[in-house]
Amino acid sequence: MTQTALATNLEQCTIRPLSSSDMSAFRAIRLEAIQSDPSVFAASYEEEKARTAQQWRELAKETNERCWIGVFNEGELVGITAAMKWTGDASGKSAIFRSSYVKPEYRGRGLASKLCDARAEWADKNGYNVAMLFHREGHWIAKVVKEFGGVYHHTEPMRFADGSTANAIWYKKDLTLIPA
């Protein structure tokens, strides 16, 4: 596979929160992500495809409880990730980091790491001091999640987009320990 040309250097890529004006590109890459590996995602392709344009615009808007972040190469959205308030914490101080995807032709260039940094910045800006992250038990993505640096939190069954139920292994990371 030939790699797609990346902006002259990685620093020229733009990483920013998505907005409602990114709706079409966001919808396209989100559906591509779920279709490419439904065993990683909790939402199904059919559920996401059924969203209206207005629902996609609303989803793309940054709030203090949700942010979809994109990496753009010369204006093209080539990767996404999300950070959201985690409802499993009564204190309201925990975020969940989820739904990361970088187009295959852009992988191996450090873009996912930059998206992870952007999630942590968003969480800090919005007063979250803990991040939660999970992976499907036995899935290749476990290696990436372990690099996240969190500690094991719990295991629970979860329904994934491929229709199966499997254990989700959850990790917790104290964001106050990340150097500013």
N, C-alpha and C. Protein backbone atom coordinates (compact mmCIF):
# COMPACT_ATOMS: atom_id res chain seq x y z
N MET A 1 0.85 -1.18 0.00
CA MET A 1 0.00 0.00 0.00
C MET A 1 0.89 1.24 0.00
N THR A 2 0.59 2.16 -0.88
CA THR A 2 1.35 3.39 -0.88
C THR A 2 0.72 4.36 0.11
N GLN A 3 1.57 5.07 0.79
CA GLN A 3 1.06 6.03 1.77
C GLN A 3 0.65 7.31 1.06
N THR A 4 -0.44 7.87 1.51
CA THR A 4 -0.92 9.14 0.98
C THR A 4 0.01 10.24 1.45
N ALA A 5 0.24 11.20 0.56
CA ALA A 5 1.11 12.32 0.91
C ALA A 5 0.54 13.06 2.11
N LEU A 6 1.38 13.26 3.09
CA LEU A 6 1.01 14.01 4.28
C LEU A 6 1.57 15.42 4.11
N ALA A 7 0.92 16.39 4.71
CA ALA A 7 1.42 17.76 4.65
C ALA A 7 2.93 17.71 4.86
N THR A 8 3.65 18.67 4.34
CA THR A 8 5.10 18.67 4.34
C THR A 8 5.69 18.11 5.63
N ASN A 9 5.15 18.48 6.75
CA ASN A 9 5.51 17.82 8.00
C ASN A 9 4.28 17.77 8.89
N LEU A 10 4.36 16.92 9.89
CA LEU A 10 3.23 16.67 10.77
C LEU A 10 2.72 17.95 11.43
N GLU A 11 3.61 18.88 11.66
CA GLU A 11 3.22 20.12 12.32
C GLU A 11 2.23 20.93 11.47
N GLN A 12 2.18 20.65 10.18
CA GLN A 12 1.26 21.39 9.32
C GLN A 12 -0.14 20.79 9.32
N CYS A 13 -0.30 19.62 9.90
CA CYS A 13 -1.63 19.06 10.07
C CYS A 13 -2.36 19.87 11.13
N THR A 14 -3.65 20.01 10.96
CA THR A 14 -4.45 20.77 11.91
C THR A 14 -5.24 19.81 12.78
N ILE A 15 -5.15 19.98 14.08
CA ILE A 15 -5.94 19.18 15.00
C ILE A 15 -6.80 20.16 15.78
N ARG A 16 -8.12 19.94 15.71
CA ARG A 16 -9.03 20.87 16.35
C ARG A 16 -10.37 20.20 16.64
N PRO A 17 -11.12 20.77 17.57
CA PRO A 17 -12.48 20.27 17.79
C PRO A 17 -13.31 20.44 16.52
N LEU A 18 -14.15 19.47 16.25
CA LEU A 18 -15.05 19.58 15.11
C LEU A 18 -16.14 20.59 15.42
N SER A 19 -16.78 21.08 14.39
CA SER A 19 -17.91 21.99 14.55
C SER A 19 -19.02 21.53 13.61
N SER A 20 -20.16 22.15 13.72
CA SER A 20 -21.29 21.75 12.87
C SER A 20 -20.96 21.89 11.39
N SER A 21 -20.04 22.77 11.04
CA SER A 21 -19.68 22.92 9.62
C SER A 21 -18.88 21.72 9.09
N ASP A 22 -18.39 20.87 9.99
CA ASP A 22 -17.65 19.67 9.59
C ASP A 22 -18.57 18.46 9.42
N MET A 23 -19.88 18.66 9.50
CA MET A 23 -20.84 17.58 9.57
C MET A 23 -20.65 16.53 8.46
N SER A 24 -20.54 16.93 7.23
CA SER A 24 -20.45 15.95 6.13
C SER A 24 -19.19 15.10 6.22
N ALA A 25 -18.06 15.75 6.45
CA ALA A 25 -16.81 15.00 6.57
C ALA A 25 -16.82 14.11 7.81
N PHE A 26 -17.37 14.61 8.90
CA PHE A 26 -17.47 13.85 10.15
C PHE A 26 -18.33 12.60 9.93
N ARG A 27 -19.48 12.76 9.32
CA ARG A 27 -20.36 11.63 9.05
C ARG A 27 -19.63 10.58 8.20
N ALA A 28 -18.96 11.02 7.16
CA ALA A 28 -18.28 10.10 6.26
C ALA A 28 -17.19 9.30 6.98
N ILE A 29 -16.35 9.96 7.76
CA ILE A 29 -15.25 9.25 8.41
C ILE A 29 -15.75 8.38 9.57
N ARG A 30 -16.78 8.83 10.26
CA ARG A 30 -17.35 8.01 11.34
C ARG A 30 -17.96 6.72 10.78
N LEU A 31 -18.71 6.83 9.69
CA LEU A 31 -19.29 5.63 9.08
C LEU A 31 -18.19 4.71 8.52
N GLU A 32 -17.15 5.30 7.94
CA GLU A 32 -16.00 4.52 7.46
C GLU A 32 -15.36 3.76 8.61
N ALA A 33 -15.19 4.42 9.74
CA ALA A 33 -14.56 3.81 10.91
C ALA A 33 -15.35 2.60 11.39
N ILE A 34 -16.65 2.79 11.55
CA ILE A 34 -17.50 1.70 12.07
C ILE A 34 -17.57 0.56 11.08
N GLN A 35 -17.65 0.87 9.81
CA GLN A 35 -17.73 -0.17 8.79
C GLN A 35 -16.43 -0.95 8.67
N SER A 36 -15.30 -0.27 8.88
CA SER A 36 -14.00 -0.93 8.72
C SER A 36 -13.71 -1.93 9.83
N ASP A 37 -14.19 -1.67 11.05
CA ASP A 37 -13.94 -2.60 12.15
C ASP A 37 -15.04 -2.49 13.19
N PRO A 38 -16.21 -3.06 12.90
CA PRO A 38 -17.34 -2.93 13.82
C PRO A 38 -17.11 -3.61 15.17
N SER A 39 -16.12 -4.48 15.26
CA SER A 39 -15.86 -5.15 16.54
C SER A 39 -15.25 -4.23 17.59
N VAL A 40 -14.86 -3.02 17.19
CA VAL A 40 -14.26 -2.07 18.12
C VAL A 40 -15.28 -1.06 18.65
N PHE A 41 -16.33 -0.83 17.90
CA PHE A 41 -17.26 0.24 18.22
C PHE A 41 -18.55 -0.28 18.85
N ALA A 42 -19.12 0.53 19.74
CA ALA A 42 -20.38 0.16 20.38
C ALA A 42 -21.57 0.55 19.51
N ALA A 43 -21.45 1.60 18.73
CA ALA A 43 -22.53 2.02 17.84
C ALA A 43 -22.46 1.23 16.54
N SER A 44 -23.61 0.91 15.99
CA SER A 44 -23.62 0.16 14.73
C SER A 44 -23.66 1.11 13.53
N TYR A 45 -23.23 0.59 12.42
CA TYR A 45 -23.26 1.35 11.16
C TYR A 45 -24.69 1.79 10.85
N GLU A 46 -25.64 0.88 11.01
CA GLU A 46 -27.04 1.19 10.70
C GLU A 46 -27.57 2.31 11.60
N GLU A 47 -27.23 2.25 12.90
CA GLU A 47 -27.67 3.30 13.84
C GLU A 47 -27.09 4.66 13.45
N GLU A 48 -25.82 4.67 13.15
CA GLU A 48 -25.16 5.93 12.83
C GLU A 48 -25.62 6.47 11.47
N LYS A 49 -25.78 5.58 10.50
CA LYS A 49 -26.21 6.00 9.16
C LYS A 49 -27.61 6.61 9.21
N ALA A 50 -28.44 6.15 10.13
CA ALA A 50 -29.82 6.64 10.24
C ALA A 50 -29.92 8.04 10.84
N ARG A 51 -28.84 8.57 11.39
CA ARG A 51 -28.88 9.92 11.95
C ARG A 51 -29.23 10.93 10.85
N THR A 52 -29.97 11.94 11.22
CA THR A 52 -30.29 13.03 10.28
C THR A 52 -29.11 13.99 10.21
N ALA A 53 -29.14 14.84 9.18
CA ALA A 53 -28.09 15.85 9.05
C ALA A 53 -28.05 16.74 10.29
N GLN A 54 -29.21 17.09 10.82
CA GLN A 54 -29.27 17.92 12.02
C GLN A 54 -28.64 17.20 13.22
N GLN A 55 -28.90 15.91 13.35
CA GLN A 55 -28.30 15.14 14.45
C GLN A 55 -26.78 15.11 14.31
N TRP A 56 -26.25 14.98 13.09
CA TRP A 56 -24.80 15.00 12.88
C TRP A 56 -24.22 16.37 13.23
N ARG A 57 -24.93 17.43 12.83
CA ARG A 57 -24.45 18.79 13.16
C ARG A 57 -24.38 18.98 14.68
N GLU A 58 -25.41 18.53 15.38
CA GLU A 58 -25.44 18.65 16.84
C GLU A 58 -24.33 17.82 17.48
N LEU A 59 -24.13 16.62 16.98
CA LEU A 59 -23.10 15.73 17.52
C LEU A 59 -21.70 16.34 17.35
N ALA A 60 -21.50 17.02 16.23
CA ALA A 60 -20.18 17.60 15.94
C ALA A 60 -19.88 18.84 16.78
N LYS A 61 -20.89 19.46 17.36
CA LYS A 61 -20.67 20.67 18.15
C LYS A 61 -19.97 20.35 19.47
N GLU A 62 -18.96 21.13 19.78
CA GLU A 62 -18.25 20.98 21.05
C GLU A 62 -19.09 21.59 22.17
N THR A 63 -19.19 20.86 23.28
CA THR A 63 -19.81 21.38 24.50
C THR A 63 -18.84 21.11 25.65
N ASN A 64 -19.21 21.47 26.87
CA ASN A 64 -18.32 21.15 27.99
C ASN A 64 -18.50 19.70 28.45
N GLU A 65 -19.40 18.96 27.79
CA GLU A 65 -19.60 17.54 28.11
C GLU A 65 -19.24 16.61 26.96
N ARG A 66 -18.89 17.16 25.80
CA ARG A 66 -18.60 16.31 24.65
C ARG A 66 -17.76 17.08 23.64
N CYS A 67 -16.80 16.39 23.08
CA CYS A 67 -15.99 17.00 22.02
C CYS A 67 -15.49 15.92 21.07
N TRP A 68 -15.80 16.09 19.80
CA TRP A 68 -15.20 15.27 18.75
C TRP A 68 -14.05 16.09 18.19
N ILE A 69 -12.90 15.47 18.07
CA ILE A 69 -11.69 16.16 17.63
C ILE A 69 -11.25 15.52 16.32
N GLY A 70 -10.83 16.36 15.39
CA GLY A 70 -10.38 15.85 14.10
C GLY A 70 -8.96 16.26 13.79
N VAL A 71 -8.32 15.44 12.98
CA VAL A 71 -7.02 15.81 12.43
C VAL A 71 -7.23 15.99 10.93
N PHE A 72 -6.78 17.13 10.44
CA PHE A 72 -6.97 17.50 9.05
C PHE A 72 -5.62 17.58 8.35
N ASN A 73 -5.54 16.98 7.18
CA ASN A 73 -4.35 17.07 6.34
C ASN A 73 -4.75 17.87 5.11
N GLU A 74 -4.23 19.07 5.01
CA GLU A 74 -4.55 19.96 3.90
C GLU A 74 -6.05 20.05 3.68
N GLY A 75 -6.80 20.20 4.77
CA GLY A 75 -8.24 20.39 4.71
C GLY A 75 -9.07 19.12 4.73
N GLU A 76 -8.45 17.96 4.53
CA GLU A 76 -9.18 16.69 4.54
C GLU A 76 -9.18 16.10 5.95
N LEU A 77 -10.36 15.73 6.43
CA LEU A 77 -10.48 15.08 7.74
C LEU A 77 -9.98 13.65 7.60
N VAL A 78 -8.86 13.33 8.28
CA VAL A 78 -8.24 12.01 8.13
C VAL A 78 -8.24 11.20 9.42
N GLY A 79 -8.72 11.79 10.51
CA GLY A 79 -8.78 11.06 11.78
C GLY A 79 -9.70 11.76 12.75
N ILE A 80 -10.31 10.97 13.64
CA ILE A 80 -11.21 11.52 14.65
C ILE A 80 -11.02 10.79 15.98
N THR A 81 -11.44 11.45 17.03
CA THR A 81 -11.51 10.85 18.35
C THR A 81 -12.54 11.64 19.15
N ALA A 82 -12.96 11.08 20.27
CA ALA A 82 -13.95 11.75 21.09
C ALA A 82 -13.55 11.73 22.55
N ALA A 83 -13.94 12.76 23.24
CA ALA A 83 -13.81 12.85 24.70
C ALA A 83 -15.17 13.34 25.20
N MET A 84 -15.69 12.64 26.20
CA MET A 84 -17.03 12.97 26.70
C MET A 84 -17.07 12.80 28.20
N LYS A 85 -18.01 13.49 28.81
CA LYS A 85 -18.25 13.29 30.24
C LYS A 85 -18.66 11.83 30.43
N TRP A 86 -18.02 11.18 31.41
CA TRP A 86 -18.34 9.78 31.70
C TRP A 86 -19.45 9.74 32.74
N THR A 87 -20.56 9.15 32.39
CA THR A 87 -21.71 9.11 33.28
C THR A 87 -21.54 8.10 34.42
N GLY A 88 -20.50 7.31 34.38
CA GLY A 88 -20.26 6.32 35.43
C GLY A 88 -19.58 6.89 36.67
N ASP A 89 -19.41 8.20 36.73
CA ASP A 89 -18.74 8.84 37.86
C ASP A 89 -19.67 9.91 38.44
N ALA A 90 -20.14 9.69 39.64
CA ALA A 90 -21.08 10.61 40.28
C ALA A 90 -20.48 12.00 40.51
N SER A 91 -19.15 12.09 40.62
CA SER A 91 -18.52 13.39 40.88
C SER A 91 -18.57 14.30 39.65
N GLY A 92 -18.75 13.70 38.47
CA GLY A 92 -18.76 14.50 37.25
C GLY A 92 -17.40 14.95 36.78
N LYS A 93 -16.34 14.41 37.38
CA LYS A 93 -14.98 14.84 37.06
C LYS A 93 -14.21 13.86 36.16
N SER A 94 -14.93 12.87 35.61
CA SER A 94 -14.29 11.89 34.75
C SER A 94 -14.79 12.00 33.31
N ALA A 95 -13.88 11.86 32.38
CA ALA A 95 -14.21 11.85 30.96
C ALA A 95 -13.96 10.45 30.43
N ILE A 96 -14.61 10.11 29.35
CA ILE A 96 -14.32 8.87 28.64
C ILE A 96 -13.71 9.25 27.30
N PHE A 97 -12.60 8.61 26.98
CA PHE A 97 -11.93 8.81 25.70
C PHE A 97 -12.31 7.62 24.83
N ARG A 98 -12.84 7.89 23.63
CA ARG A 98 -13.36 6.79 22.82
C ARG A 98 -13.40 7.14 21.34
N SER A 99 -13.77 6.14 20.57
CA SER A 99 -14.11 6.29 19.14
C SER A 99 -12.99 6.88 18.30
N SER A 100 -11.77 6.45 18.53
CA SER A 100 -10.64 6.95 17.74
C SER A 100 -10.53 6.18 16.42
N TYR A 101 -10.17 6.91 15.40
CA TYR A 101 -9.98 6.31 14.08
C TYR A 101 -9.10 7.22 13.25
N VAL A 102 -8.11 6.61 12.59
CA VAL A 102 -7.28 7.31 11.61
C VAL A 102 -7.36 6.49 10.34
N LYS A 103 -7.59 7.15 9.21
CA LYS A 103 -7.68 6.44 7.94
C LYS A 103 -6.42 5.60 7.75
N PRO A 104 -6.58 4.38 7.22
CA PRO A 104 -5.43 3.46 7.11
C PRO A 104 -4.21 4.06 6.42
N GLU A 105 -4.42 4.83 5.38
CA GLU A 105 -3.27 5.37 4.63
C GLU A 105 -2.52 6.46 5.40
N TYR A 106 -3.05 6.89 6.55
CA TYR A 106 -2.40 7.92 7.37
C TYR A 106 -1.84 7.36 8.68
N ARG A 107 -1.99 6.07 8.88
CA ARG A 107 -1.53 5.46 10.14
C ARG A 107 -0.01 5.34 10.18
N GLY A 108 0.51 5.20 11.39
CA GLY A 108 1.94 5.02 11.57
C GLY A 108 2.73 6.31 11.48
N ARG A 109 2.06 7.43 11.63
CA ARG A 109 2.73 8.73 11.49
C ARG A 109 2.58 9.61 12.72
N GLY A 110 2.04 9.03 13.79
CA GLY A 110 1.92 9.79 15.02
C GLY A 110 0.64 10.60 15.15
N LEU A 111 -0.29 10.46 14.21
CA LEU A 111 -1.52 11.26 14.28
C LEU A 111 -2.41 10.82 15.43
N ALA A 112 -2.51 9.52 15.68
CA ALA A 112 -3.34 9.04 16.79
C ALA A 112 -2.83 9.59 18.12
N SER A 113 -1.52 9.65 18.28
CA SER A 113 -0.94 10.19 19.50
C SER A 113 -1.30 11.67 19.66
N LYS A 114 -1.28 12.40 18.57
CA LYS A 114 -1.64 13.82 18.62
C LYS A 114 -3.12 13.99 18.97
N LEU A 115 -3.96 13.10 18.46
CA LEU A 115 -5.39 13.14 18.81
C LEU A 115 -5.57 12.85 20.30
N CYS A 116 -4.80 11.90 20.83
CA CYS A 116 -4.87 11.58 22.26
C CYS A 116 -4.48 12.79 23.11
N ASP A 117 -3.44 13.48 22.70
CA ASP A 117 -3.02 14.68 23.42
C ASP A 117 -4.13 15.74 23.40
N ALA A 118 -4.79 15.87 22.27
CA ALA A 118 -5.86 16.86 22.15
C ALA A 118 -7.04 16.49 23.06
N ARG A 119 -7.33 15.19 23.21
CA ARG A 119 -8.40 14.78 24.13
C ARG A 119 -8.06 15.19 25.55
N ALA A 120 -6.82 14.93 25.95
CA ALA A 120 -6.40 15.27 27.31
C ALA A 120 -6.47 16.79 27.53
N GLU A 121 -6.10 17.57 26.53
CA GLU A 121 -6.19 19.03 26.65
C GLU A 121 -7.65 19.47 26.82
N TRP A 122 -8.55 18.87 26.03
CA TRP A 122 -9.97 19.21 26.15
C TRP A 122 -10.47 18.86 27.55
N ALA A 123 -10.11 17.66 28.04
CA ALA A 123 -10.56 17.22 29.36
C ALA A 123 -10.06 18.19 30.44
N ASP A 124 -8.81 18.58 30.36
CA ASP A 124 -8.24 19.52 31.33
C ASP A 124 -8.97 20.86 31.28
N LYS A 125 -9.19 21.37 30.08
CA LYS A 125 -9.88 22.66 29.89
C LYS A 125 -11.29 22.64 30.48
N ASN A 126 -11.91 21.47 30.49
CA ASN A 126 -13.30 21.36 30.95
C ASN A 126 -13.43 20.78 32.35
N GLY A 127 -12.32 20.72 33.09
CA GLY A 127 -12.37 20.35 34.49
C GLY A 127 -12.43 18.86 34.81
N TYR A 128 -12.12 18.03 33.83
CA TYR A 128 -12.09 16.59 34.08
C TYR A 128 -10.68 16.21 34.55
N ASN A 129 -10.60 15.43 35.62
CA ASN A 129 -9.27 15.05 36.12
C ASN A 129 -8.98 13.57 36.00
N VAL A 130 -9.93 12.82 35.48
CA VAL A 130 -9.76 11.38 35.26
C VAL A 130 -10.26 11.05 33.86
N ALA A 131 -9.56 10.15 33.19
CA ALA A 131 -10.01 9.66 31.88
C ALA A 131 -10.23 8.16 31.96
N MET A 132 -11.31 7.71 31.36
CA MET A 132 -11.64 6.29 31.26
C MET A 132 -11.51 5.88 29.80
N LEU A 133 -11.05 4.66 29.58
CA LEU A 133 -10.89 4.14 28.23
C LEU A 133 -11.10 2.64 28.29
N PHE A 134 -11.65 2.04 27.25
CA PHE A 134 -11.87 0.60 27.26
C PHE A 134 -11.48 -0.01 25.91
N HIS A 135 -11.31 -1.32 25.94
CA HIS A 135 -11.12 -2.08 24.70
C HIS A 135 -11.85 -3.40 24.83
N ARG A 136 -12.15 -3.98 23.71
CA ARG A 136 -12.76 -5.30 23.66
C ARG A 136 -11.69 -6.32 24.03
N GLU A 137 -12.02 -7.21 24.94
CA GLU A 137 -11.08 -8.22 25.39
C GLU A 137 -10.54 -9.01 24.20
N GLY A 138 -9.21 -9.11 24.13
CA GLY A 138 -8.54 -9.89 23.10
C GLY A 138 -8.40 -9.20 21.76
N HIS A 139 -8.87 -7.98 21.62
CA HIS A 139 -8.79 -7.29 20.33
C HIS A 139 -7.42 -6.63 20.18
N TRP A 140 -6.96 -6.48 18.94
CA TRP A 140 -5.65 -5.88 18.67
C TRP A 140 -5.52 -4.47 19.25
N ILE A 141 -6.64 -3.77 19.39
CA ILE A 141 -6.59 -2.40 19.89
C ILE A 141 -6.12 -2.35 21.35
N ALA A 142 -6.12 -3.51 22.02
CA ALA A 142 -5.68 -3.57 23.42
C ALA A 142 -4.28 -3.00 23.58
N LYS A 143 -3.41 -3.25 22.61
CA LYS A 143 -2.04 -2.74 22.67
C LYS A 143 -2.04 -1.21 22.72
N VAL A 144 -2.88 -0.59 21.92
CA VAL A 144 -2.96 0.87 21.88
C VAL A 144 -3.51 1.40 23.20
N VAL A 145 -4.55 0.74 23.70
CA VAL A 145 -5.17 1.18 24.95
C VAL A 145 -4.18 1.07 26.10
N LYS A 146 -3.38 0.01 26.12
CA LYS A 146 -2.40 -0.15 27.19
C LYS A 146 -1.34 0.95 27.15
N GLU A 147 -1.03 1.45 25.95
CA GLU A 147 -0.08 2.55 25.82
C GLU A 147 -0.65 3.84 26.41
N PHE A 148 -1.95 3.88 26.58
CA PHE A 148 -2.65 5.01 27.20
C PHE A 148 -2.09 5.28 28.60
N GLY A 149 -1.60 4.25 29.27
CA GLY A 149 -0.93 4.43 30.54
C GLY A 149 -1.84 4.40 31.76
N GLY A 150 -3.07 4.00 31.58
CA GLY A 150 -3.96 3.93 32.73
C GLY A 150 -3.79 2.63 33.50
N VAL A 151 -4.53 2.52 34.57
CA VAL A 151 -4.52 1.30 35.38
C VAL A 151 -5.86 0.60 35.20
N TYR A 152 -5.83 -0.71 35.32
CA TYR A 152 -7.04 -1.49 35.18
C TYR A 152 -8.10 -0.99 36.15
N HIS A 153 -9.33 -0.86 35.67
CA HIS A 153 -10.43 -0.39 36.50
C HIS A 153 -11.48 -1.48 36.71
N HIS A 154 -12.00 -2.04 35.63
CA HIS A 154 -12.99 -3.11 35.75
C HIS A 154 -13.23 -3.76 34.39
N THR A 155 -13.95 -4.87 34.42
CA THR A 155 -14.36 -5.58 33.21
C THR A 155 -15.88 -5.71 33.25
N GLU A 156 -16.50 -5.50 32.09
CA GLU A 156 -17.96 -5.66 32.01
C GLU A 156 -18.35 -6.12 30.61
N PRO A 157 -19.44 -6.85 30.50
CA PRO A 157 -19.90 -7.23 29.16
C PRO A 157 -20.45 -6.01 28.42
N MET A 158 -20.23 -5.98 27.11
CA MET A 158 -20.70 -4.85 26.30
C MET A 158 -21.13 -5.37 24.93
N ARG A 159 -22.16 -4.76 24.38
CA ARG A 159 -22.60 -5.10 23.03
C ARG A 159 -21.81 -4.22 22.05
N PHE A 160 -21.21 -4.86 21.08
CA PHE A 160 -20.42 -4.14 20.09
C PHE A 160 -21.19 -4.06 18.77
N ALA A 161 -20.73 -3.20 17.88
CA ALA A 161 -21.44 -2.93 16.63
C ALA A 161 -21.56 -4.14 15.73
N ASP A 162 -20.69 -5.12 15.91
CA ASP A 162 -20.79 -6.33 15.07
C ASP A 162 -21.89 -7.26 15.56
N GLY A 163 -22.63 -6.82 16.59
CA GLY A 163 -23.75 -7.60 17.11
C GLY A 163 -23.39 -8.55 18.23
N SER A 164 -22.12 -8.68 18.51
CA SER A 164 -21.69 -9.61 19.55
C SER A 164 -21.58 -8.90 20.90
N THR A 165 -21.57 -9.71 21.94
CA THR A 165 -21.32 -9.21 23.29
C THR A 165 -19.99 -9.81 23.72
N ALA A 166 -19.14 -8.97 24.25
CA ALA A 166 -17.81 -9.40 24.71
C ALA A 166 -17.44 -8.57 25.92
N ASN A 167 -16.43 -9.02 26.63
CA ASN A 167 -15.95 -8.24 27.78
C ASN A 167 -15.25 -6.97 27.29
N ALA A 168 -15.58 -5.87 27.93
CA ALA A 168 -14.87 -4.62 27.73
C ALA A 168 -13.96 -4.44 28.94
N ILE A 169 -12.69 -4.24 28.68
CA ILE A 169 -11.70 -4.04 29.73
C ILE A 169 -11.49 -2.53 29.87
N TRP A 170 -11.78 -2.01 31.05
CA TRP A 170 -11.73 -0.57 31.31
C TRP A 170 -10.45 -0.19 32.05
N TYR A 171 -9.91 0.97 31.66
CA TYR A 171 -8.73 1.54 32.30
C TYR A 171 -9.06 2.96 32.76
N LYS A 172 -8.36 3.37 33.80
CA LYS A 172 -8.55 4.70 34.38
C LYS A 172 -7.19 5.38 34.44
N LYS A 173 -7.17 6.66 34.06
CA LYS A 173 -5.92 7.42 34.11
C LYS A 173 -6.15 8.74 34.83
N ASP A 174 -5.29 9.03 35.76
CA ASP A 174 -5.34 10.29 36.50
C ASP A 174 -4.71 11.37 35.61
N LEU A 175 -5.52 12.28 35.12
CA LEU A 175 -5.04 13.32 34.22
C LEU A 175 -4.27 14.42 34.94
N THR A 176 -4.38 14.47 36.27
CA THR A 176 -3.63 15.49 37.01
C THR A 176 -2.14 15.17 37.03
N LEU A 177 -1.78 13.94 36.66
CA LEU A 177 -0.36 13.55 36.65
C LEU A 177 0.33 13.84 35.33
N ILE A 178 -0.43 14.30 34.33
CA ILE A 178 0.14 14.60 33.03
C ILE A 178 0.77 15.98 33.08
N PRO A 179 2.06 16.09 32.73
CA PRO A 179 2.71 17.40 32.77
C PRO A 179 2.04 18.39 31.81
N ALA A 180 1.93 19.62 32.25
CA ALA A 180 1.30 20.66 31.41
C ALA A 180 2.22 21.12 30.32
